[in-house]
Amino acid sequence: MFNLKSIYFYFLALQISLIKFIKKIYFSTKFYNKSLISKTPQQFYFHPNPFLLSLITNYKKHLFKINEIDPNIFWVKQKNIYEEKRIHSFLWLNLIDRKNDSKLLQRIIIAWMTKNSIYKKKVWENSLVSKRTISWILNVDIILDNSTFEFKKKFLNSIIVQTNHLKRNIKFEKNHLKKIQILTSLILSGLVFKEYLDNYQIGIKELEKLIKNTFDEDGFPNSRNPNDLIFFVKYLILCKECIKDAQQYVPDFLEDIINKNIECMEVISPNDQVPLFNGGTEENLEQLKKFILNLNYQMKNKKKFVGGIKTIKNKTNIIYFDLGNPPRKSFSTSYQCGPLSFEYYLDGNKIITNCGFGTNISFKAELLSRLTSAQSSLSINDTSVAKFERNKLINKVFGHSIIKSFKTFDISHEENTNFISITGSHNGYEDNFNCIHKRKLILNKNSNQIIGNDQIIKKKDGEKINFNLRFHLYPGLNAVKTISGNSVLIQISKNKSLIFTTKNEKVSLEKSIFLGRNKILNNTCINIFGNLVNENKIIHWEIKKRIDT
């Protein structure tokens, strides 16, 4: 049944869908495509550093060998939609041989302009147009090398037509990730073409608004998705470096948010890995951090708690602990129901994980990855803590946004010479089961032992409930129950293992799936399970290194 907020979003989704339908018809008309044509720029005011494109592309070592490709069949339909988008984005320009490929590249671009000079839905999607124009502008040195006057004119006109399309449609784009791509494209076009300085001014003005609406005071995205943070860092640095290269004044707000973003990135990735909370997928940040350091940015790490994620680090132990509230509805499309979930690393090896977000695998994988059972946290009666929008129209426009929220509270942190402890609670199960979940994690600095206390606090007497406390093991780790029945041996390598132990509780090993690498992998899950009626419950567990006798 709809509540008032859902009714509002339903009619808003209806309005947006109608606008998109009308726009689709309008964009296909000759009138619209003619309206995008405007003054041809005389020249590039400056050539941006093509090295900057590495920020938003994969760090691949091999070259993209276009000299082995026939330009006449280059734009033949690709095997799948992901490959098609990759080709039409032109981000592969960063991987070509810059000494020998200019003439062949010009033939490929001419073929693209001949085939796609007018609006086509798939090829002219906002994100794709943005990446394409950014890539063209950053690689203009090789694209226009020894080119004819006619090619140069067509190429410049194509950039302007595409950026004009972005400029007209930016106000309709609701996705904050796609919006930063659009603004980057507009800013770059305004920097390199004097005739289109207004693109730069519009881009900077809208960028300031986007930053105010998208980040919290620490510089972490309101979506609480670590991958969103990394995404923004890349595009914001790209904007700043191009502004500097153009010898323009870098706005203070841009300097400020980049510094905050980088600090947040250091807090959540001391081991160069992204924790899998709230829509996170695996991403190694080693190359990105090197890139940022080469640009003379300072990698500061003053905070320990950003984006609702607390980082505990001691020697070779790292724990990420999610203590945050769910994001607002408009930022919750990637949220996963895992309050008080945690991830644990030892000696650079990930031991305890969450399942990751399956959005790039399939619709079903995405739904599964939202469940509380997919996180290393508590699940009661096989239900999830939060509920998501189920209306198809709203989901089509806004994604699977949250409709029933909860609160985290009583968050505390203590540290002395021997221990670091963090405590937090959430009320996600209070309405349905009259329960509060309270979790305390303790790291022994001397023994590197992890001690956990999970408490189920019954607010009222009621019906019997079943609980499952899951600890998802990282793919590749082997686990076996010990003879005692209340312990699990976790084998990391031939000579390294851990013992997971609980007291007076039932323990099982479950088959699970890992979705953090954009493909489905099998892994193992340690499960502490049981039931209770009226009494409170404290579940004690620990993880420590195995000592061979």
Protein backbone atom coordinates (compact mmCIF):
# COMPACT_ATOMS: atom_id res chain seq x y z
CA MET A 1 0.00 0.00 0.00
CA PHE A 2 1.28 3.47 -0.93
CA ASN A 3 2.24 5.95 1.77
CA LEU A 4 2.36 9.70 1.11
CA LYS A 5 6.04 9.67 0.15
CA SER A 6 5.51 6.79 -2.28
CA ILE A 7 2.55 8.60 -3.83
CA TYR A 8 4.73 11.67 -4.35
CA PHE A 9 7.48 9.62 -5.99
CA TYR A 10 4.94 7.74 -8.10
CA PHE A 11 3.54 10.93 -9.65
CA LEU A 12 7.04 12.37 -9.99
CA ALA A 13 8.10 9.17 -11.78
CA LEU A 14 5.02 9.43 -13.99
CA GLN A 15 5.93 13.00 -14.88
CA ILE A 16 9.56 12.13 -15.63
CA SER A 17 8.54 9.11 -17.74
CA LEU A 18 6.17 11.28 -19.76
CA ILE A 19 8.86 13.90 -20.30
CA LYS A 20 11.32 11.22 -21.40
CA PHE A 21 8.78 9.79 -23.84
CA ILE A 22 8.13 13.20 -25.39
CA LYS A 23 11.85 13.97 -25.50
CA LYS A 24 12.57 10.69 -27.24
CA ILE A 25 10.14 11.62 -30.03
CA TYR A 26 11.47 15.18 -30.22
CA PHE A 27 15.13 14.12 -30.28
CA SER A 28 14.44 11.95 -33.32
CA THR A 29 13.19 14.86 -35.39
CA LYS A 30 15.23 16.77 -37.97
CA PHE A 31 14.29 20.00 -36.20
CA TYR A 32 16.01 18.97 -32.96
CA ASN A 33 19.17 17.76 -34.68
CA LYS A 34 19.40 20.97 -36.68
CA SER A 35 18.92 23.00 -33.50
CA LEU A 36 22.07 21.45 -32.01
CA ILE A 37 24.25 22.88 -34.77
CA SER A 38 25.99 26.12 -33.78
CA LYS A 39 29.17 28.06 -34.50
CA THR A 40 32.22 25.99 -35.39
CA PRO A 41 35.19 26.75 -33.09
CA GLN A 42 38.26 28.13 -34.85
CA GLN A 43 40.72 26.01 -32.92
CA PHE A 44 41.60 24.41 -29.59
CA TYR A 45 42.70 27.09 -27.13
CA PHE A 46 45.00 24.49 -25.54
CA HIS A 47 45.52 20.74 -25.67
CA PRO A 48 44.71 19.09 -22.33
CA ASN A 49 47.04 16.41 -21.03
CA PRO A 50 45.82 13.05 -22.49
CA PHE A 51 47.44 11.33 -19.50
CA LEU A 52 44.47 12.56 -17.43
CA LEU A 53 42.14 10.18 -19.25
CA SER A 54 43.77 7.38 -17.23
CA LEU A 55 41.77 8.64 -14.26
CA ILE A 56 38.49 7.39 -15.70
CA THR A 57 39.68 4.34 -17.64
CA ASN A 58 40.87 0.95 -16.48
CA TYR A 59 44.59 0.74 -15.85
CA LYS A 60 45.39 -1.75 -18.59
CA LYS A 61 48.99 -2.30 -19.62
CA HIS A 62 48.33 -3.60 -23.14
CA LEU A 63 47.66 -1.36 -26.12
CA PHE A 64 44.41 -1.23 -28.04
CA LYS A 65 45.69 -2.23 -31.49
CA ILE A 66 43.47 -0.38 -33.94
CA ASN A 67 45.98 -1.01 -36.74
CA GLU A 68 44.67 -4.58 -36.78
CA ILE A 69 41.07 -3.39 -37.24
CA ASP A 70 39.22 -2.69 -40.47
CA PRO A 71 37.55 0.76 -40.06
CA ASN A 72 34.72 -0.38 -42.31
CA ILE A 73 33.59 -3.03 -39.82
CA PHE A 74 34.68 -1.30 -36.62
CA TRP A 75 31.16 -0.05 -35.92
CA VAL A 76 29.42 -3.32 -36.67
CA LYS A 77 27.14 -4.20 -33.76
CA GLN A 78 29.10 -5.63 -30.84
CA LYS A 79 28.48 -8.94 -29.08
CA ASN A 80 26.80 -7.38 -26.05
CA ILE A 81 25.61 -4.01 -24.76
CA TYR A 82 28.61 -3.56 -22.43
CA GLU A 83 31.10 -4.03 -25.27
CA GLU A 84 29.05 -1.69 -27.47
CA LYS A 85 29.09 1.04 -24.82
CA ARG A 86 32.83 0.59 -24.31
CA ILE A 87 33.52 1.07 -28.01
CA HIS A 88 31.20 4.09 -28.39
CA SER A 89 32.66 5.79 -25.30
CA PHE A 90 36.07 6.10 -27.03
CA LEU A 91 37.81 5.64 -23.69
CA TRP A 92 39.99 3.10 -25.48
CA LEU A 93 41.80 6.08 -27.04
CA ASN A 94 43.96 6.06 -23.94
CA LEU A 95 45.31 2.64 -24.94
CA ILE A 96 46.32 3.17 -28.57
CA ASP A 97 49.78 3.68 -30.03
CA ARG A 98 50.03 7.46 -30.13
CA LYS A 99 52.87 7.44 -32.69
CA ASN A 100 51.36 5.44 -35.51
CA ASP A 101 47.58 5.33 -35.29
CA SER A 102 46.39 8.87 -36.18
CA LYS A 103 45.35 8.27 -39.81
CA LEU A 104 43.52 5.05 -39.04
CA LEU A 105 41.91 6.71 -36.03
CA GLN A 106 40.61 9.51 -38.23
CA ARG A 107 39.00 6.97 -40.56
CA ILE A 108 37.31 5.28 -37.56
CA ILE A 109 35.97 8.62 -36.28
CA ILE A 110 34.75 9.63 -39.76
CA ALA A 111 32.85 6.34 -39.94
CA TRP A 112 31.34 7.02 -36.49
CA MET A 113 30.27 10.58 -37.43
CA THR A 114 28.75 9.38 -40.71
CA LYS A 115 26.70 6.75 -38.94
CA ASN A 116 25.84 8.56 -35.69
CA SER A 117 25.76 12.28 -36.45
CA ILE A 118 22.07 12.47 -35.50
CA TYR A 119 20.49 11.39 -32.23
CA LYS A 120 20.23 7.67 -31.53
CA LYS A 121 19.02 6.58 -28.13
CA LYS A 122 21.75 4.08 -27.26
CA VAL A 123 24.66 6.02 -28.73
CA TRP A 124 23.50 9.40 -27.38
CA GLU A 125 22.79 8.39 -23.78
CA ASN A 126 24.08 11.14 -21.45
CA SER A 127 26.87 9.13 -19.84
CA LEU A 128 28.09 7.81 -23.19
CA VAL A 129 28.08 11.24 -24.86
CA SER A 130 29.96 12.69 -21.89
CA LYS A 131 32.69 10.05 -21.92
CA ARG A 132 33.02 10.28 -25.70
CA THR A 133 33.45 14.07 -25.79
CA ILE A 134 35.85 13.99 -22.82
CA SER A 135 37.95 11.35 -24.56
CA TRP A 136 37.95 13.25 -27.86
CA ILE A 137 38.99 16.50 -26.20
CA LEU A 138 41.76 14.87 -24.17
CA ASN A 139 43.12 13.07 -27.25
CA VAL A 140 42.82 15.91 -29.73
CA ASP A 141 46.59 15.91 -30.37
CA ILE A 142 46.57 12.50 -32.02
CA ILE A 143 43.08 12.80 -33.54
CA LEU A 144 43.93 15.99 -35.46
CA ASP A 145 47.52 15.07 -36.24
CA ASN A 146 48.10 15.76 -39.98
CA SER A 147 44.33 15.91 -40.52
CA THR A 148 42.60 17.64 -43.39
CA PHE A 149 40.70 20.90 -42.93
CA GLU A 150 37.45 19.11 -43.74
CA PHE A 151 37.99 16.42 -41.09
CA LYS A 152 38.94 19.00 -38.47
CA LYS A 153 35.76 21.00 -39.15
CA LYS A 154 33.50 17.93 -38.96
CA PHE A 155 35.24 16.75 -35.79
CA LEU A 156 34.89 20.10 -34.00
CA ASN A 157 31.27 20.39 -35.08
CA SER A 158 30.53 16.92 -33.73
CA ILE A 159 31.95 17.84 -30.32
CA ILE A 160 29.83 20.99 -30.20
CA VAL A 161 26.65 19.21 -31.31
CA GLN A 162 27.11 16.59 -28.60
CA THR A 163 27.92 19.09 -25.84
CA ASN A 164 24.92 21.19 -26.92
CA HIS A 165 22.79 18.09 -26.43
CA LEU A 166 24.24 17.60 -22.93
CA LYS A 167 23.70 21.26 -22.03
CA ARG A 168 20.05 21.11 -22.98
CA ASN A 169 19.38 17.95 -21.03
CA ILE A 170 21.42 18.33 -17.87
CA LYS A 171 18.46 19.58 -15.84
CA PHE A 172 16.60 16.33 -16.58
CA GLU A 173 19.42 14.07 -15.39
CA LYS A 174 18.70 12.76 -11.87
CA ASN A 175 21.61 10.34 -11.57
CA HIS A 176 24.38 12.17 -9.67
CA LEU A 177 27.12 10.01 -11.23
CA LYS A 178 26.00 10.76 -14.76
CA LYS A 179 25.63 14.41 -13.87
CA ILE A 180 29.30 14.78 -12.90
CA GLN A 181 30.21 13.23 -16.27
CA ILE A 182 28.04 15.75 -18.10
CA LEU A 183 29.51 18.67 -16.16
CA THR A 184 33.07 17.47 -16.82
CA SER A 185 32.33 17.41 -20.55
CA LEU A 186 30.85 20.92 -20.48
CA ILE A 187 33.73 22.30 -18.41
CA LEU A 188 36.33 20.83 -20.77
CA SER A 189 34.56 22.11 -23.90
CA GLY A 190 34.34 25.59 -22.35
CA LEU A 191 38.05 25.54 -21.55
CA VAL A 192 39.32 24.44 -24.97
CA PHE A 193 36.95 26.56 -27.10
CA LYS A 194 36.92 30.32 -26.50
CA GLU A 195 33.65 30.56 -28.41
CA TYR A 196 31.96 28.34 -25.80
CA LEU A 197 33.18 29.88 -22.57
CA ASP A 198 29.56 29.77 -21.36
CA ASN A 199 29.84 25.95 -21.24
CA TYR A 200 32.59 26.36 -18.66
CA GLN A 201 30.63 28.90 -16.65
CA ILE A 202 27.46 26.78 -16.68
CA GLY A 203 29.47 23.67 -15.78
CA ILE A 204 31.18 25.32 -12.79
CA LYS A 205 27.94 26.79 -11.49
CA GLU A 206 26.10 23.46 -11.73
CA LEU A 207 29.09 21.58 -10.28
CA GLU A 208 28.97 23.69 -7.13
CA LYS A 209 25.25 22.90 -6.73
CA LEU A 210 25.88 19.19 -7.30
CA ILE A 211 28.60 19.06 -4.66
CA LYS A 212 26.44 20.82 -2.07
CA ASN A 213 23.60 18.35 -2.64
CA THR A 214 25.65 15.17 -3.02
CA PHE A 215 28.22 15.18 -0.19
CA ASP A 216 28.10 15.35 3.60
CA GLU A 217 30.28 17.75 5.58
CA ASP A 218 33.21 15.30 5.55
CA GLY A 219 33.11 14.99 1.77
CA PHE A 220 31.57 11.51 1.64
CA PRO A 221 28.69 10.89 -0.82
CA ASN A 222 25.21 10.93 0.71
CA SER A 223 24.63 7.56 -0.96
CA ARG A 224 27.19 6.11 1.50
CA ASN A 225 28.52 4.02 -1.39
CA PRO A 226 32.37 3.83 -1.33
CA ASN A 227 32.48 3.34 -5.10
CA ASP A 228 30.57 6.58 -5.60
CA LEU A 229 33.32 8.35 -3.66
CA ILE A 230 36.00 6.91 -5.94
CA PHE A 231 33.96 7.79 -9.04
CA PHE A 232 33.65 11.43 -7.98
CA VAL A 233 37.33 11.69 -6.99
CA LYS A 234 38.36 10.75 -10.52
CA TYR A 235 36.12 13.24 -12.34
CA LEU A 236 36.68 16.11 -9.90
CA ILE A 237 40.47 15.78 -10.18
CA LEU A 238 40.12 15.60 -13.97
CA CYS A 239 38.18 18.90 -13.92
CA LYS A 240 40.68 20.59 -11.61
CA GLU A 241 43.76 19.54 -13.57
CA CYS A 242 42.26 20.71 -16.87
CA ILE A 243 41.33 24.05 -15.31
CA LYS A 244 44.94 24.42 -14.11
CA ASP A 245 46.31 23.48 -17.54
CA ALA A 246 44.09 26.15 -19.07
CA GLN A 247 45.62 28.65 -16.60
CA GLN A 248 42.24 29.42 -15.10
CA TYR A 249 41.46 30.01 -11.42
CA VAL A 250 40.46 26.81 -9.64
CA PRO A 251 37.30 27.52 -7.59
CA ASP A 252 37.75 27.18 -3.82
CA PHE A 253 34.80 24.78 -3.53
CA LEU A 254 36.49 22.41 -6.00
CA GLU A 255 39.79 22.46 -4.09
CA ASP A 256 37.94 21.86 -0.83
CA ILE A 257 35.83 18.91 -1.96
CA ILE A 258 38.78 17.15 -3.63
CA ASN A 259 40.85 17.41 -0.44
CA LYS A 260 37.94 16.02 1.59
CA ASN A 261 37.29 13.25 -0.95
CA ILE A 262 40.92 12.12 -0.90
CA GLU A 263 40.96 12.09 2.90
CA CYS A 264 37.77 10.00 2.96
CA MET A 265 39.31 7.63 0.42
CA GLU A 266 42.36 7.13 2.65
CA VAL A 267 40.15 6.44 5.68
CA ILE A 268 38.18 3.66 3.99
CA SER A 269 41.06 2.10 2.02
CA PRO A 270 44.29 1.94 4.03
CA ASN A 271 44.99 -1.35 2.25
CA ASP A 272 43.99 0.01 -1.20
CA GLN A 273 40.75 -2.03 -1.21
CA VAL A 274 37.19 -0.71 -1.24
CA PRO A 275 34.97 -2.17 1.52
CA LEU A 276 31.77 -3.77 0.23
CA PHE A 277 29.16 -1.65 1.97
CA ASN A 278 26.07 0.06 0.53
CA GLY A 279 26.52 -0.86 -3.12
CA GLY A 280 30.27 -1.35 -3.09
CA THR A 281 32.05 -3.62 -5.57
CA GLU A 282 35.70 -4.63 -5.57
CA GLU A 283 38.09 -1.96 -6.78
CA ASN A 284 41.84 -1.89 -6.19
CA LEU A 285 42.96 1.70 -5.60
CA GLU A 286 46.72 1.17 -5.79
CA GLN A 287 47.12 2.64 -9.30
CA LEU A 288 44.67 5.47 -8.61
CA LYS A 289 46.56 6.47 -5.46
CA LYS A 290 49.86 6.45 -7.35
CA PHE A 291 48.27 8.60 -10.04
CA ILE A 292 47.02 11.08 -7.43
CA LEU A 293 50.41 11.24 -5.71
CA ASN A 294 52.09 11.90 -9.06
CA LEU A 295 49.81 14.94 -9.39
CA ASN A 296 51.20 16.16 -6.01
CA TYR A 297 48.03 15.65 -3.99
CA GLN A 298 48.53 14.91 -0.32
CA MET A 299 47.03 11.62 0.86
CA LYS A 300 45.95 12.68 4.35
CA ASN A 301 44.24 10.44 6.86
CA LYS A 302 43.23 12.41 9.93
CA LYS A 303 39.78 10.91 10.47
CA LYS A 304 38.73 7.38 11.40
CA PHE A 305 34.99 7.64 10.81
CA VAL A 306 33.51 8.86 7.50
CA GLY A 307 30.36 8.00 5.60
CA GLY A 308 29.07 6.01 8.59
CA ILE A 309 32.04 3.62 8.20
CA LYS A 310 34.47 3.24 11.08
CA THR A 311 37.99 2.01 10.32
CA ILE A 312 40.02 0.21 12.99
CA LYS A 313 43.65 -0.48 12.21
CA ASN A 314 46.35 -2.08 14.32
CA LYS A 315 49.54 -3.55 12.87
CA THR A 316 48.34 -5.95 10.14
CA ASN A 317 44.68 -5.97 11.25
CA ILE A 318 42.04 -3.80 9.61
CA ILE A 319 38.32 -3.77 10.43
CA TYR A 320 35.66 -1.77 8.59
CA PHE A 321 32.49 -1.37 10.64
CA ASP A 322 29.24 0.06 9.18
CA LEU A 323 27.62 2.22 11.86
CA GLY A 324 25.71 4.62 9.61
CA ASN A 325 22.03 5.26 9.01
CA PRO A 326 20.49 4.43 5.64
CA PRO A 327 20.79 7.20 3.03
CA ARG A 328 17.83 9.36 2.09
CA LYS A 329 15.42 7.86 -0.44
CA SER A 330 16.82 9.86 -3.33
CA PHE A 331 20.34 8.50 -2.62
CA SER A 332 19.41 4.93 -1.69
CA THR A 333 19.32 3.13 -5.04
CA SER A 334 22.50 1.18 -4.21
CA TYR A 335 21.84 0.67 -0.52
CA GLN A 336 22.16 -2.80 1.04
CA CYS A 337 20.48 -3.82 4.30
CA GLY A 338 23.56 -4.44 6.40
CA PRO A 339 23.58 -2.25 9.53
CA LEU A 340 26.43 -3.14 11.90
CA SER A 341 28.03 -5.38 9.28
CA PHE A 342 31.82 -5.50 9.17
CA GLU A 343 34.75 -6.60 7.07
CA TYR A 344 38.06 -7.90 8.38
CA TYR A 345 41.57 -8.04 6.90
CA LEU A 346 44.66 -9.78 8.27
CA ASP A 347 48.13 -9.37 6.72
CA GLY A 348 46.55 -7.95 3.57
CA ASN A 349 44.19 -10.92 3.21
CA LYS A 350 40.47 -10.32 3.39
CA ILE A 351 38.87 -12.75 5.82
CA ILE A 352 35.32 -11.57 6.61
CA THR A 353 33.45 -9.84 3.78
CA ASN A 354 30.01 -8.78 2.65
CA CYS A 355 28.65 -10.26 -0.56
CA GLY A 356 29.05 -7.13 -2.67
CA PHE A 357 26.55 -5.52 -5.05
CA GLY A 358 25.34 -7.48 -8.08
CA THR A 359 24.06 -4.60 -10.19
CA ASN A 360 26.40 -5.39 -13.12
CA ILE A 361 25.59 -9.11 -13.04
CA SER A 362 21.80 -9.35 -13.25
CA PHE A 363 18.59 -7.96 -11.79
CA LYS A 364 18.24 -11.05 -9.60
CA ALA A 365 21.82 -10.76 -8.33
CA GLU A 366 21.16 -7.14 -7.37
CA LEU A 367 18.04 -8.10 -5.40
CA LEU A 368 19.91 -10.88 -3.58
CA SER A 369 22.77 -8.58 -2.69
CA ARG A 370 20.40 -6.14 -0.96
CA LEU A 371 19.29 -8.74 1.61
CA THR A 372 20.52 -8.54 5.20
CA SER A 373 21.53 -12.20 4.91
CA ALA A 374 24.07 -11.15 2.24
CA GLN A 375 25.91 -9.04 4.82
CA SER A 376 28.05 -10.09 7.78
CA SER A 377 25.44 -9.07 10.30
CA LEU A 378 22.33 -10.27 12.17
CA SER A 379 19.17 -11.48 10.42
CA ILE A 380 15.92 -12.25 12.28
CA ASN A 381 13.28 -14.64 10.89
CA ASP A 382 15.00 -14.55 7.50
CA THR A 383 13.89 -10.95 6.90
CA SER A 384 15.81 -7.87 5.89
CA VAL A 385 16.19 -4.79 8.04
CA ALA A 386 14.89 -2.35 5.42
CA LYS A 387 12.30 -2.52 2.64
CA PHE A 388 12.68 -1.22 -0.88
CA GLU A 389 10.30 0.31 -3.38
CA ARG A 390 8.45 -2.35 -5.38
CA ASN A 391 6.48 -0.19 -7.77
CA LYS A 392 7.83 -0.87 -11.27
CA LEU A 393 7.39 2.70 -12.52
CA ILE A 394 9.19 4.24 -9.54
CA ASN A 395 11.97 1.68 -9.79
CA LYS A 396 12.39 2.32 -13.51
CA VAL A 397 12.90 6.03 -12.92
CA PHE A 398 14.63 6.17 -9.52
CA GLY A 399 15.97 2.66 -9.00
CA HIS A 400 15.14 0.43 -6.03
CA SER A 401 15.04 3.15 -3.40
CA ILE A 402 14.40 2.51 0.29
CA ILE A 403 10.88 2.95 1.70
CA LYS A 404 11.27 1.68 5.28
CA SER A 405 14.25 2.97 7.18
CA PHE A 406 15.79 2.59 10.65
CA LYS A 407 18.25 4.34 12.93
CA THR A 408 21.64 3.51 14.38
CA PHE A 409 22.41 4.86 17.85
CA ASP A 410 24.54 4.52 21.01
CA ILE A 411 27.73 4.56 18.96
CA SER A 412 30.85 4.62 21.13
CA HIS A 413 34.58 4.16 20.70
CA GLU A 414 37.18 3.31 23.32
CA GLU A 415 40.92 2.80 23.01
CA ASN A 416 43.75 2.13 25.42
CA THR A 417 47.17 0.51 25.26
CA ASN A 418 45.71 -2.98 24.97
CA PHE A 419 42.33 -2.74 23.20
CA ILE A 420 40.29 -0.86 20.63
CA SER A 421 36.52 -1.31 20.96
CA ILE A 422 33.56 0.03 19.01
CA THR A 423 29.88 -0.36 19.88
CA GLY A 424 26.71 0.47 17.97
CA SER A 425 23.00 -0.42 17.91
CA HIS A 426 20.15 -0.27 15.40
CA ASN A 427 16.35 -0.51 15.68
CA GLY A 428 15.64 -2.10 12.28
CA TYR A 429 13.87 -5.08 13.87
CA GLU A 430 11.95 -3.17 16.52
CA ASP A 431 8.66 -2.68 14.66
CA ASN A 432 8.25 -6.29 13.55
CA PHE A 433 9.97 -8.24 16.31
CA ASN A 434 10.40 -5.80 19.23
CA CYS A 435 14.18 -6.32 19.06
CA ILE A 436 17.24 -4.10 19.14
CA HIS A 437 20.54 -5.34 17.74
CA LYS A 438 23.67 -4.19 19.58
CA ARG A 439 27.13 -5.14 18.38
CA LYS A 440 30.51 -4.62 20.01
CA LEU A 441 33.79 -5.33 18.22
CA ILE A 442 37.03 -5.49 20.19
CA LEU A 443 40.53 -5.67 18.71
CA ASN A 444 43.26 -6.89 21.06
CA LYS A 445 46.36 -4.91 20.11
CA ASN A 446 48.71 -7.47 21.61
CA SER A 447 47.32 -10.75 20.29
CA ASN A 448 45.47 -9.30 17.25
CA GLN A 449 42.44 -11.27 18.42
CA ILE A 450 39.00 -10.08 17.27
CA ILE A 451 36.32 -10.38 19.97
CA GLY A 452 32.65 -9.85 19.16
CA ASN A 453 29.53 -9.50 21.27
CA ASP A 454 26.17 -9.44 19.48
CA GLN A 455 23.22 -8.67 21.69
CA ILE A 456 19.55 -9.15 20.81
CA ILE A 457 17.58 -6.96 23.20
CA LYS A 458 13.87 -7.76 23.49
CA LYS A 459 11.86 -4.58 24.05
CA LYS A 460 8.67 -6.56 24.76
CA ASP A 461 7.74 -10.16 25.43
CA GLY A 462 6.40 -11.77 22.32
CA GLU A 463 6.47 -14.67 19.93
CA LYS A 464 9.41 -16.91 19.28
CA ILE A 465 12.00 -15.57 16.85
CA ASN A 466 14.80 -17.26 14.92
CA PHE A 467 18.14 -15.52 14.43
CA ASN A 468 21.11 -16.01 12.13
CA LEU A 469 24.43 -14.29 12.65
CA ARG A 470 26.40 -14.66 9.44
CA PHE A 471 30.09 -14.20 8.71
CA HIS A 472 30.77 -14.41 4.98
CA LEU A 473 34.26 -15.66 4.17
CA TYR A 474 36.17 -14.22 1.26
CA PRO A 475 36.19 -16.44 -1.86
CA GLY A 476 39.13 -18.83 -1.90
CA LEU A 477 39.27 -19.35 1.85
CA ASN A 478 38.62 -22.89 3.06
CA ALA A 479 36.68 -23.55 6.25
CA VAL A 480 35.89 -26.71 8.22
CA LYS A 481 34.11 -27.28 11.52
CA THR A 482 36.28 -28.62 14.30
CA ILE A 483 35.52 -31.69 16.39
CA SER A 484 34.32 -29.50 19.27
CA GLY A 485 31.38 -28.34 17.11
CA ASN A 486 31.50 -24.70 18.16
CA SER A 487 34.62 -23.69 16.21
CA VAL A 488 35.57 -23.27 12.58
CA LEU A 489 39.06 -23.53 11.14
CA ILE A 490 39.67 -20.88 8.44
CA GLN A 491 42.59 -21.80 6.18
CA ILE A 492 44.21 -18.73 4.62
CA SER A 493 47.28 -20.43 3.17
CA LYS A 494 49.36 -23.53 3.74
CA ASN A 495 51.01 -22.16 6.87
CA LYS A 496 48.46 -19.63 8.03
CA SER A 497 45.02 -20.23 9.56
CA LEU A 498 42.52 -18.72 11.96
CA ILE A 499 40.08 -20.18 14.46
CA PHE A 500 36.54 -18.79 14.68
CA THR A 501 34.97 -19.76 18.02
CA THR A 502 31.65 -19.16 19.75
CA LYS A 503 30.47 -20.21 23.20
CA ASN A 504 27.33 -22.25 23.82
CA GLU A 505 25.90 -21.57 20.36
CA LYS A 506 25.06 -23.64 17.31
CA VAL A 507 27.39 -23.14 14.35
CA SER A 508 27.04 -24.27 10.76
CA LEU A 509 28.82 -23.71 7.46
CA GLU A 510 26.60 -22.53 4.60
CA LYS A 511 27.18 -22.23 0.90
CA SER A 512 27.04 -18.61 -0.17
CA ILE A 513 27.71 -16.45 -3.21
CA PHE A 514 30.02 -13.48 -3.68
CA LEU A 515 28.92 -10.69 -6.05
CA GLY A 516 31.67 -8.13 -5.53
CA ARG A 517 33.63 -8.76 -8.76
CA ASN A 518 30.77 -8.28 -11.22
CA LYS A 519 30.42 -12.05 -11.52
CA ILE A 520 29.02 -14.76 -9.27
CA LEU A 521 31.57 -16.67 -7.18
CA ASN A 522 30.99 -19.40 -4.64
CA ASN A 523 32.15 -18.88 -1.07
CA THR A 524 31.47 -20.12 2.45
CA CYS A 525 29.50 -18.52 5.26
CA ILE A 526 29.85 -19.19 9.00
CA ASN A 527 26.39 -19.09 10.58
CA ILE A 528 25.56 -18.87 14.28
CA PHE A 529 21.86 -19.67 14.64
CA GLY A 530 19.19 -20.24 17.26
CA ASN A 531 15.93 -18.92 18.67
CA LEU A 532 14.55 -17.06 21.67
CA VAL A 533 11.18 -15.95 23.04
CA ASN A 534 11.20 -13.46 25.89
CA GLU A 535 14.77 -13.38 27.15
CA ASN A 536 17.59 -11.19 25.81
CA LYS A 537 20.48 -12.88 24.08
CA ILE A 538 24.21 -12.17 24.01
CA ILE A 539 26.24 -14.07 21.43
CA HIS A 540 29.98 -14.23 22.10
CA TRP A 541 32.43 -15.05 19.35
CA GLU A 542 36.08 -14.49 18.51
CA ILE A 543 38.59 -14.82 15.69
CA LYS A 544 42.22 -15.53 16.50
CA LYS A 545 45.30 -16.99 14.92
CA ARG A 546 45.64 -20.73 15.17
CA ILE A 547 48.63 -21.83 17.23
CA ASP A 548 49.95 -25.21 16.11
CA THR A 549 50.95 -27.60 18.88
